[in-house]
Amino acid sequence: MEVADIAVPEGFTYSLVSDKPREDGPLYRFPAFGLLALGIGAVALGNARAAVDNLLELAGSKKPQGSRRTLAERGMSQSELAQAEAMLRSARAFYCEALGEAWQMANRGEEIGLEQRAALRLAATHATRTPRARQPTSCAGCTDSAAAPCCSRPTPCSAASATPTLQPST
């Protein structure tokens, strides 16, 4: 299909870069590209949470090839899980803090300024780069992080889960 010589009335156009939102409300005060980045960060945090949770489930019964001990009984596995959990929780905390501060500003009717916009992007970027699924999956004996099983989770700022511990299956 080809369209030529058609003018779109300005009232039906919108630029994410240069136009101000036509609606008022806290959500519309957020930078458009910042919201996109926050969505990607939320998915990354959910995937990392799933990887750690799946490792916990697997650790009680999986024995690496040539070993008599399960992953839960191995000190190195426990150390790697603890490191993955700490990285995930710290990334999530930073993400939730930056998002919470921006949301409070937006609720007060304030513009989300350059400093807070930068904090939102930094937190979202950090969330995608810090809690890497590779660490818990390598602990589980996987060499390809894409092979890690994933599941969806509610928002990354929902109530924190209890501290995980590796338990051998009974």
N, C-alpha and C. Protein backbone atom coordinates (compact mmCIF):
# COMPACT_ATOMS: atom_id res chain seq x y z
N MET A 1 0.85 -1.14 0.00
CA MET A 1 0.00 0.00 0.00
C MET A 1 0.91 1.23 0.00
N GLU A 2 0.49 2.24 -0.72
CA GLU A 2 1.23 3.49 -0.76
C GLU A 2 0.26 4.62 -0.52
N VAL A 3 0.68 5.58 0.28
CA VAL A 3 -0.14 6.75 0.57
C VAL A 3 0.66 7.98 0.16
N ALA A 4 0.02 8.89 -0.54
CA ALA A 4 0.71 10.11 -0.98
C ALA A 4 -0.24 11.30 -0.83
N ASP A 5 0.35 12.45 -0.62
CA ASP A 5 -0.39 13.72 -0.55
C ASP A 5 -1.50 13.72 0.49
N ILE A 6 -1.22 13.17 1.64
CA ILE A 6 -2.19 13.18 2.73
C ILE A 6 -1.58 13.93 3.89
N ALA A 7 -2.31 14.84 4.45
CA ALA A 7 -1.85 15.61 5.60
C ALA A 7 -2.56 15.08 6.84
N VAL A 8 -1.80 14.80 7.87
CA VAL A 8 -2.36 14.35 9.15
C VAL A 8 -2.49 15.57 10.04
N PRO A 9 -3.68 15.85 10.54
CA PRO A 9 -3.85 17.01 11.42
C PRO A 9 -2.93 16.89 12.64
N GLU A 10 -2.36 18.00 13.05
CA GLU A 10 -1.39 17.99 14.14
C GLU A 10 -1.97 17.41 15.43
N GLY A 11 -3.23 17.54 15.65
CA GLY A 11 -3.87 16.99 16.84
C GLY A 11 -3.82 15.47 16.91
N PHE A 12 -3.53 14.83 15.77
CA PHE A 12 -3.45 13.37 15.71
C PHE A 12 -2.00 12.86 15.67
N THR A 13 -1.06 13.74 15.91
CA THR A 13 0.35 13.35 15.91
C THR A 13 0.94 13.54 17.29
N TYR A 14 2.04 12.85 17.53
CA TYR A 14 2.73 12.99 18.82
C TYR A 14 4.18 12.55 18.65
N SER A 15 5.07 13.30 19.23
CA SER A 15 6.49 12.95 19.22
C SER A 15 6.93 12.60 20.64
N LEU A 16 7.47 11.40 20.80
CA LEU A 16 8.00 11.01 22.11
C LEU A 16 9.20 11.86 22.51
N VAL A 17 9.84 12.46 21.53
CA VAL A 17 11.06 13.23 21.80
C VAL A 17 10.76 14.68 22.16
N SER A 18 9.88 15.33 21.40
CA SER A 18 9.73 16.78 21.59
C SER A 18 8.40 17.23 22.19
N ASP A 19 7.35 16.44 22.09
CA ASP A 19 6.04 16.87 22.59
C ASP A 19 5.88 16.57 24.08
N LYS A 20 5.12 17.44 24.73
CA LYS A 20 4.76 17.20 26.13
C LYS A 20 3.50 16.33 26.15
N PRO A 21 3.34 15.51 27.19
CA PRO A 21 2.15 14.66 27.27
C PRO A 21 0.87 15.49 27.29
N ARG A 22 -0.17 14.98 26.67
CA ARG A 22 -1.45 15.68 26.63
C ARG A 22 -2.29 15.39 27.86
N GLU A 23 -1.98 14.31 28.53
CA GLU A 23 -2.70 13.93 29.75
C GLU A 23 -1.89 14.35 30.96
N ASP A 24 -2.59 14.53 32.07
CA ASP A 24 -1.90 14.87 33.31
C ASP A 24 -2.00 13.65 34.23
N GLY A 25 -1.05 13.51 35.08
CA GLY A 25 -1.04 12.39 36.02
C GLY A 25 0.38 11.92 36.21
N PRO A 26 0.64 11.21 37.30
CA PRO A 26 2.00 10.80 37.62
C PRO A 26 2.69 10.01 36.52
N LEU A 27 1.99 9.07 35.91
CA LEU A 27 2.61 8.23 34.90
C LEU A 27 3.07 9.04 33.70
N TYR A 28 2.32 10.08 33.36
CA TYR A 28 2.65 10.89 32.18
C TYR A 28 3.81 11.85 32.44
N ARG A 29 4.24 11.96 33.66
CA ARG A 29 5.41 12.79 33.99
C ARG A 29 6.72 12.03 33.83
N PHE A 30 6.63 10.72 33.67
CA PHE A 30 7.83 9.90 33.47
C PHE A 30 8.33 10.08 32.05
N PRO A 31 9.65 10.04 31.89
CA PRO A 31 10.19 10.11 30.53
C PRO A 31 9.82 8.82 29.77
N ALA A 32 9.39 8.96 28.52
CA ALA A 32 8.90 7.82 27.74
C ALA A 32 9.96 6.73 27.60
N PHE A 33 11.18 7.11 27.25
CA PHE A 33 12.22 6.10 27.05
C PHE A 33 12.68 5.53 28.39
N GLY A 34 12.55 6.31 29.45
CA GLY A 34 12.85 5.79 30.78
C GLY A 34 11.87 4.69 31.17
N LEU A 35 10.59 4.87 30.82
CA LEU A 35 9.60 3.84 31.10
C LEU A 35 9.91 2.55 30.34
N LEU A 36 10.35 2.69 29.11
CA LEU A 36 10.72 1.50 28.34
C LEU A 36 11.89 0.78 29.00
N ALA A 37 12.88 1.53 29.44
CA ALA A 37 14.05 0.94 30.11
C ALA A 37 13.64 0.25 31.41
N LEU A 38 12.71 0.87 32.14
CA LEU A 38 12.26 0.26 33.40
C LEU A 38 11.58 -1.08 33.15
N GLY A 39 10.83 -1.19 32.07
CA GLY A 39 10.19 -2.46 31.74
C GLY A 39 11.21 -3.55 31.46
N ILE A 40 12.27 -3.20 30.74
CA ILE A 40 13.32 -4.17 30.45
C ILE A 40 14.04 -4.58 31.74
N GLY A 41 14.30 -3.60 32.61
CA GLY A 41 14.92 -3.91 33.90
C GLY A 41 14.08 -4.84 34.74
N ALA A 42 12.76 -4.62 34.73
CA ALA A 42 11.85 -5.48 35.50
C ALA A 42 11.89 -6.92 35.01
N VAL A 43 11.93 -7.09 33.69
CA VAL A 43 12.00 -8.44 33.12
C VAL A 43 13.32 -9.10 33.51
N ALA A 44 14.41 -8.35 33.42
CA ALA A 44 15.72 -8.91 33.78
C ALA A 44 15.75 -9.35 35.24
N LEU A 45 15.19 -8.53 36.12
CA LEU A 45 15.15 -8.90 37.54
C LEU A 45 14.28 -10.13 37.76
N GLY A 46 13.17 -10.22 37.06
CA GLY A 46 12.30 -11.40 37.18
C GLY A 46 12.98 -12.66 36.67
N ASN A 47 13.69 -12.54 35.56
CA ASN A 47 14.41 -13.70 35.03
C ASN A 47 15.52 -14.15 35.98
N ALA A 48 16.23 -13.20 36.55
CA ALA A 48 17.30 -13.54 37.49
C ALA A 48 16.73 -14.20 38.75
N ARG A 49 15.59 -13.67 39.23
CA ARG A 49 14.94 -14.26 40.40
C ARG A 49 14.55 -15.71 40.10
N ALA A 50 14.01 -15.94 38.91
CA ALA A 50 13.61 -17.29 38.52
C ALA A 50 14.82 -18.21 38.45
N ALA A 51 15.93 -17.71 37.92
CA ALA A 51 17.14 -18.54 37.82
C ALA A 51 17.62 -18.96 39.20
N VAL A 52 17.64 -18.03 40.14
CA VAL A 52 18.08 -18.35 41.51
C VAL A 52 17.10 -19.33 42.15
N ASP A 53 15.81 -19.06 42.00
CA ASP A 53 14.80 -19.96 42.58
C ASP A 53 14.87 -21.36 41.99
N ASN A 54 15.08 -21.44 40.68
CA ASN A 54 15.19 -22.75 40.03
C ASN A 54 16.43 -23.50 40.50
N LEU A 55 17.51 -22.77 40.72
CA LEU A 55 18.72 -23.41 41.25
C LEU A 55 18.45 -23.97 42.65
N LEU A 56 17.75 -23.22 43.47
CA LEU A 56 17.42 -23.71 44.81
C LEU A 56 16.64 -25.02 44.74
N GLU A 57 15.71 -25.07 43.81
CA GLU A 57 14.90 -26.27 43.65
C GLU A 57 15.74 -27.45 43.15
N LEU A 58 16.64 -27.16 42.25
CA LEU A 58 17.48 -28.18 41.64
C LEU A 58 18.58 -28.68 42.58
N ALA A 59 19.08 -27.81 43.43
CA ALA A 59 20.28 -28.09 44.22
C ALA A 59 20.12 -29.27 45.19
N GLY A 60 18.93 -29.49 45.67
CA GLY A 60 18.74 -30.56 46.63
C GLY A 60 18.87 -31.95 46.05
N SER A 61 18.71 -32.07 44.74
CA SER A 61 18.74 -33.41 44.15
C SER A 61 19.82 -33.60 43.09
N LYS A 62 20.31 -32.53 42.48
CA LYS A 62 21.28 -32.69 41.40
C LYS A 62 22.67 -32.99 41.93
N LYS A 63 23.25 -34.05 41.37
CA LYS A 63 24.63 -34.40 41.68
C LYS A 63 25.45 -34.21 40.40
N PRO A 64 26.46 -33.35 40.44
CA PRO A 64 27.29 -33.20 39.25
C PRO A 64 27.90 -34.54 38.86
N GLN A 65 28.16 -34.70 37.57
CA GLN A 65 28.72 -35.94 37.07
C GLN A 65 30.00 -36.27 37.81
N GLY A 66 30.10 -37.51 38.29
CA GLY A 66 31.28 -37.96 39.02
C GLY A 66 31.31 -37.57 40.48
N SER A 67 30.22 -37.01 40.99
CA SER A 67 30.20 -36.58 42.39
C SER A 67 29.14 -37.35 43.16
N ARG A 68 29.39 -37.55 44.44
CA ARG A 68 28.41 -38.21 45.30
C ARG A 68 27.57 -37.18 46.05
N ARG A 69 28.03 -35.94 46.07
CA ARG A 69 27.32 -34.90 46.81
C ARG A 69 26.42 -34.08 45.88
N THR A 70 25.28 -33.68 46.43
CA THR A 70 24.39 -32.80 45.68
C THR A 70 24.99 -31.39 45.66
N LEU A 71 24.44 -30.55 44.82
CA LEU A 71 24.89 -29.16 44.77
C LEU A 71 24.70 -28.48 46.13
N ALA A 72 23.63 -28.82 46.82
CA ALA A 72 23.36 -28.22 48.12
C ALA A 72 24.42 -28.57 49.16
N GLU A 73 25.12 -29.66 48.94
CA GLU A 73 26.14 -30.11 49.90
C GLU A 73 27.53 -29.59 49.54
N ARG A 74 27.64 -28.81 48.50
CA ARG A 74 28.93 -28.31 48.03
C ARG A 74 29.11 -26.85 48.44
N GLY A 75 30.22 -26.56 49.08
CA GLY A 75 30.49 -25.21 49.56
C GLY A 75 30.56 -24.19 48.43
N MET A 76 31.16 -24.56 47.30
CA MET A 76 31.28 -23.64 46.18
C MET A 76 29.90 -23.27 45.62
N SER A 77 29.00 -24.24 45.57
CA SER A 77 27.64 -23.97 45.10
C SER A 77 26.94 -22.99 46.03
N GLN A 78 27.10 -23.21 47.33
CA GLN A 78 26.48 -22.31 48.30
C GLN A 78 27.05 -20.90 48.18
N SER A 79 28.35 -20.79 47.96
CA SER A 79 28.98 -19.49 47.80
C SER A 79 28.47 -18.77 46.54
N GLU A 80 28.40 -19.49 45.43
CA GLU A 80 27.91 -18.88 44.19
C GLU A 80 26.45 -18.48 44.30
N LEU A 81 25.65 -19.28 44.97
CA LEU A 81 24.25 -18.92 45.17
C LEU A 81 24.15 -17.66 46.02
N ALA A 82 24.93 -17.59 47.08
CA ALA A 82 24.89 -16.41 47.95
C ALA A 82 25.29 -15.15 47.18
N GLN A 83 26.30 -15.26 46.34
CA GLN A 83 26.74 -14.11 45.55
C GLN A 83 25.65 -13.70 44.56
N ALA A 84 25.03 -14.66 43.90
CA ALA A 84 23.96 -14.35 42.95
C ALA A 84 22.78 -13.70 43.66
N GLU A 85 22.44 -14.21 44.82
CA GLU A 85 21.33 -13.64 45.60
C GLU A 85 21.64 -12.21 46.04
N ALA A 86 22.86 -11.96 46.49
CA ALA A 86 23.25 -10.62 46.92
C ALA A 86 23.23 -9.64 45.75
N MET A 87 23.75 -10.06 44.60
CA MET A 87 23.74 -9.19 43.42
C MET A 87 22.31 -8.89 42.98
N LEU A 88 21.47 -9.90 42.97
CA LEU A 88 20.08 -9.71 42.58
C LEU A 88 19.36 -8.76 43.52
N ARG A 89 19.51 -8.99 44.80
CA ARG A 89 18.81 -8.13 45.77
C ARG A 89 19.32 -6.69 45.74
N SER A 90 20.62 -6.50 45.55
CA SER A 90 21.14 -5.13 45.51
C SER A 90 20.67 -4.42 44.24
N ALA A 91 20.64 -5.12 43.12
CA ALA A 91 20.14 -4.51 41.88
C ALA A 91 18.66 -4.16 42.01
N ARG A 92 17.90 -5.06 42.63
CA ARG A 92 16.47 -4.82 42.84
C ARG A 92 16.23 -3.64 43.78
N ALA A 93 17.03 -3.55 44.82
CA ALA A 93 16.88 -2.45 45.77
C ALA A 93 17.16 -1.10 45.10
N PHE A 94 18.21 -1.03 44.31
CA PHE A 94 18.54 0.21 43.60
C PHE A 94 17.43 0.57 42.62
N TYR A 95 16.94 -0.42 41.90
CA TYR A 95 15.86 -0.22 40.94
C TYR A 95 14.61 0.33 41.65
N CYS A 96 14.22 -0.32 42.73
CA CYS A 96 13.02 0.10 43.47
C CYS A 96 13.19 1.48 44.11
N GLU A 97 14.40 1.77 44.58
CA GLU A 97 14.66 3.09 45.18
C GLU A 97 14.52 4.20 44.14
N ALA A 98 15.16 4.03 42.98
CA ALA A 98 15.10 5.05 41.94
C ALA A 98 13.67 5.22 41.43
N LEU A 99 12.98 4.11 41.23
CA LEU A 99 11.60 4.16 40.77
C LEU A 99 10.69 4.81 41.82
N GLY A 100 10.88 4.46 43.08
CA GLY A 100 10.07 5.03 44.15
C GLY A 100 10.26 6.53 44.30
N GLU A 101 11.50 6.99 44.20
CA GLU A 101 11.77 8.43 44.31
C GLU A 101 11.11 9.18 43.14
N ALA A 102 11.23 8.65 41.94
CA ALA A 102 10.63 9.30 40.78
C ALA A 102 9.10 9.30 40.89
N TRP A 103 8.55 8.21 41.37
CA TRP A 103 7.09 8.12 41.50
C TRP A 103 6.58 9.12 42.53
N GLN A 104 7.30 9.29 43.63
CA GLN A 104 6.91 10.29 44.63
C GLN A 104 6.94 11.70 44.03
N MET A 105 7.97 12.00 43.27
CA MET A 105 8.05 13.31 42.61
C MET A 105 6.87 13.50 41.66
N ALA A 106 6.57 12.48 40.87
CA ALA A 106 5.47 12.57 39.91
C ALA A 106 4.14 12.73 40.63
N ASN A 107 3.95 12.05 41.75
CA ASN A 107 2.70 12.18 42.52
C ASN A 107 2.54 13.56 43.12
N ARG A 108 3.65 14.22 43.42
CA ARG A 108 3.58 15.59 43.95
C ARG A 108 3.40 16.62 42.85
N GLY A 109 3.36 16.16 41.61
CA GLY A 109 3.19 17.08 40.49
C GLY A 109 4.48 17.69 40.00
N GLU A 110 5.60 17.20 40.50
CA GLU A 110 6.90 17.74 40.11
C GLU A 110 7.37 17.10 38.81
N GLU A 111 8.15 17.85 38.07
CA GLU A 111 8.77 17.29 36.87
C GLU A 111 9.91 16.38 37.30
N ILE A 112 10.05 15.27 36.62
CA ILE A 112 11.17 14.36 36.89
C ILE A 112 12.37 14.93 36.15
N GLY A 113 13.27 15.51 36.92
CA GLY A 113 14.40 16.23 36.35
C GLY A 113 15.50 15.33 35.83
N LEU A 114 16.52 15.97 35.30
CA LEU A 114 17.63 15.27 34.67
C LEU A 114 18.32 14.30 35.63
N GLU A 115 18.55 14.72 36.86
CA GLU A 115 19.23 13.85 37.83
C GLU A 115 18.43 12.58 38.11
N GLN A 116 17.13 12.73 38.28
CA GLN A 116 16.29 11.56 38.56
C GLN A 116 16.11 10.70 37.32
N ARG A 117 16.04 11.34 36.15
CA ARG A 117 15.97 10.56 34.90
C ARG A 117 17.21 9.70 34.74
N ALA A 118 18.35 10.30 35.05
CA ALA A 118 19.61 9.55 34.96
C ALA A 118 19.61 8.39 35.95
N ALA A 119 19.07 8.62 37.15
CA ALA A 119 19.01 7.55 38.16
C ALA A 119 18.11 6.41 37.68
N LEU A 120 16.98 6.75 37.05
CA LEU A 120 16.08 5.72 36.52
C LEU A 120 16.78 4.88 35.46
N ARG A 121 17.46 5.53 34.53
CA ARG A 121 18.14 4.79 33.46
C ARG A 121 19.28 3.96 34.01
N LEU A 122 20.02 4.53 34.97
CA LEU A 122 21.12 3.80 35.58
C LEU A 122 20.61 2.57 36.32
N ALA A 123 19.54 2.73 37.08
CA ALA A 123 18.97 1.60 37.82
C ALA A 123 18.46 0.52 36.87
N ALA A 124 17.81 0.93 35.78
CA ALA A 124 17.31 -0.04 34.82
C ALA A 124 18.46 -0.77 34.12
N THR A 125 19.50 -0.03 33.75
CA THR A 125 20.66 -0.64 33.11
C THR A 125 21.37 -1.58 34.08
N HIS A 126 21.52 -1.14 35.31
CA HIS A 126 22.16 -1.98 36.33
C HIS A 126 21.36 -3.27 36.54
N ALA A 127 20.04 -3.14 36.53
CA ALA A 127 19.18 -4.33 36.72
C ALA A 127 19.37 -5.34 35.60
N THR A 128 19.67 -4.86 34.39
CA THR A 128 19.84 -5.79 33.28
C THR A 128 21.24 -6.39 33.24
N ARG A 129 22.21 -5.74 33.87
CA ARG A 129 23.59 -6.21 33.77
C ARG A 129 24.11 -6.91 35.02
N THR A 130 23.55 -6.66 36.16
CA THR A 130 24.09 -7.20 37.40
C THR A 130 23.64 -8.61 37.72
N PRO A 131 22.34 -8.87 37.85
CA PRO A 131 21.93 -10.21 38.29
C PRO A 131 21.93 -11.20 37.14
N ARG A 132 23.09 -11.51 36.66
CA ARG A 132 23.22 -12.39 35.50
C ARG A 132 22.80 -13.81 35.85
N ALA A 133 22.03 -14.39 34.96
CA ALA A 133 21.58 -15.77 35.17
C ALA A 133 22.74 -16.74 35.03
N ARG A 134 23.83 -16.35 34.39
CA ARG A 134 24.96 -17.26 34.15
C ARG A 134 25.52 -17.80 35.48
N GLN A 135 25.60 -16.95 36.51
CA GLN A 135 26.21 -17.42 37.74
C GLN A 135 25.43 -18.56 38.38
N PRO A 136 24.12 -18.42 38.63
CA PRO A 136 23.43 -19.55 39.23
C PRO A 136 23.34 -20.75 38.32
N THR A 137 23.25 -20.54 37.00
CA THR A 137 23.14 -21.71 36.12
C THR A 137 24.48 -22.42 36.00
N SER A 138 25.59 -21.67 36.05
CA SER A 138 26.89 -22.35 35.99
C SER A 138 27.09 -23.16 37.26
N CYS A 139 26.57 -22.67 38.36
CA CYS A 139 26.63 -23.40 39.62
C CYS A 139 25.85 -24.70 39.49
N ALA A 140 24.78 -24.67 38.69
CA ALA A 140 23.94 -25.86 38.51
C ALA A 140 24.51 -26.81 37.47
N GLY A 141 25.62 -26.44 36.88
CA GLY A 141 26.25 -27.32 35.91
C GLY A 141 25.93 -26.97 34.47
N CYS A 142 25.16 -25.89 34.23
CA CYS A 142 24.86 -25.46 32.87
C CYS A 142 26.02 -24.57 32.39
N THR A 143 26.32 -24.66 31.12
CA THR A 143 27.36 -23.80 30.57
C THR A 143 26.76 -22.71 29.70
N ASP A 144 25.47 -22.79 29.40
CA ASP A 144 24.81 -21.81 28.56
C ASP A 144 23.68 -21.18 29.36
N SER A 145 23.79 -19.87 29.65
CA SER A 145 22.78 -19.22 30.47
C SER A 145 21.42 -19.21 29.79
N ALA A 146 21.38 -19.31 28.46
CA ALA A 146 20.10 -19.34 27.75
C ALA A 146 19.34 -20.63 28.05
N ALA A 147 20.03 -21.65 28.54
CA ALA A 147 19.37 -22.91 28.83
C ALA A 147 18.67 -22.89 30.19
N ALA A 148 18.87 -21.83 30.96
CA ALA A 148 18.26 -21.76 32.28
C ALA A 148 16.75 -21.67 32.17
N PRO A 149 16.03 -22.44 32.95
CA PRO A 149 14.58 -22.33 32.92
C PRO A 149 14.14 -20.99 33.50
N CYS A 150 13.15 -20.37 32.92
CA CYS A 150 12.66 -19.07 33.39
C CYS A 150 11.17 -19.17 33.65
N CYS A 151 10.70 -18.27 34.47
CA CYS A 151 9.27 -18.17 34.68
C CYS A 151 8.95 -16.71 34.94
N SER A 152 7.70 -16.35 34.78
CA SER A 152 7.33 -14.96 35.01
C SER A 152 7.10 -14.73 36.49
N ARG A 153 7.33 -13.51 36.89
CA ARG A 153 7.17 -13.11 38.28
C ARG A 153 6.35 -11.83 38.33
N PRO A 154 5.76 -11.52 39.48
CA PRO A 154 5.10 -10.22 39.62
C PRO A 154 6.16 -9.11 39.62
N THR A 155 5.73 -7.90 39.81
CA THR A 155 6.64 -6.76 39.72
C THR A 155 7.86 -6.96 40.60
N PRO A 156 9.02 -6.44 40.17
CA PRO A 156 10.25 -6.67 40.91
C PRO A 156 10.25 -5.99 42.28
N CYS A 157 9.34 -5.07 42.52
CA CYS A 157 9.32 -4.37 43.80
C CYS A 157 8.27 -4.95 44.75
N SER A 158 7.75 -6.13 44.44
CA SER A 158 6.82 -6.78 45.36
C SER A 158 7.61 -7.26 46.58
N ALA A 159 6.92 -7.73 47.57
CA ALA A 159 7.58 -8.11 48.82
C ALA A 159 8.75 -9.05 48.59
N ALA A 160 9.83 -8.81 49.29
CA ALA A 160 11.05 -9.62 49.15
C ALA A 160 10.80 -11.04 49.66
N SER A 161 11.42 -11.97 49.00
CA SER A 161 11.29 -13.35 49.45
C SER A 161 12.26 -13.61 50.59
N ALA A 162 12.06 -14.69 51.28
CA ALA A 162 12.96 -15.07 52.37
C ALA A 162 14.32 -15.42 51.80
N THR A 163 15.35 -15.30 52.62
CA THR A 163 16.70 -15.63 52.17
C THR A 163 16.76 -17.10 51.82
N PRO A 164 17.20 -17.42 50.59
CA PRO A 164 17.23 -18.81 50.18
C PRO A 164 18.42 -19.54 50.78
N THR A 165 18.24 -20.82 51.02
CA THR A 165 19.34 -21.67 51.46
C THR A 165 19.25 -22.98 50.72
N LEU A 166 20.38 -23.54 50.39
CA LEU A 166 20.40 -24.82 49.71
C LEU A 166 20.11 -25.93 50.71
N GLN A 167 19.18 -26.79 50.37
CA GLN A 167 18.82 -27.89 51.25
C GLN A 167 18.90 -29.19 50.46
N PRO A 168 19.64 -30.16 50.97
CA PRO A 168 19.64 -31.46 50.32
C PRO A 168 18.24 -32.07 50.40
N SER A 169 17.84 -32.79 49.37
CA SER A 169 16.52 -33.43 49.42
C SER A 169 16.58 -34.60 50.39
N THR A 170 15.45 -34.87 51.00
CA THR A 170 15.41 -35.97 52.00
C THR A 170 14.88 -37.23 51.43
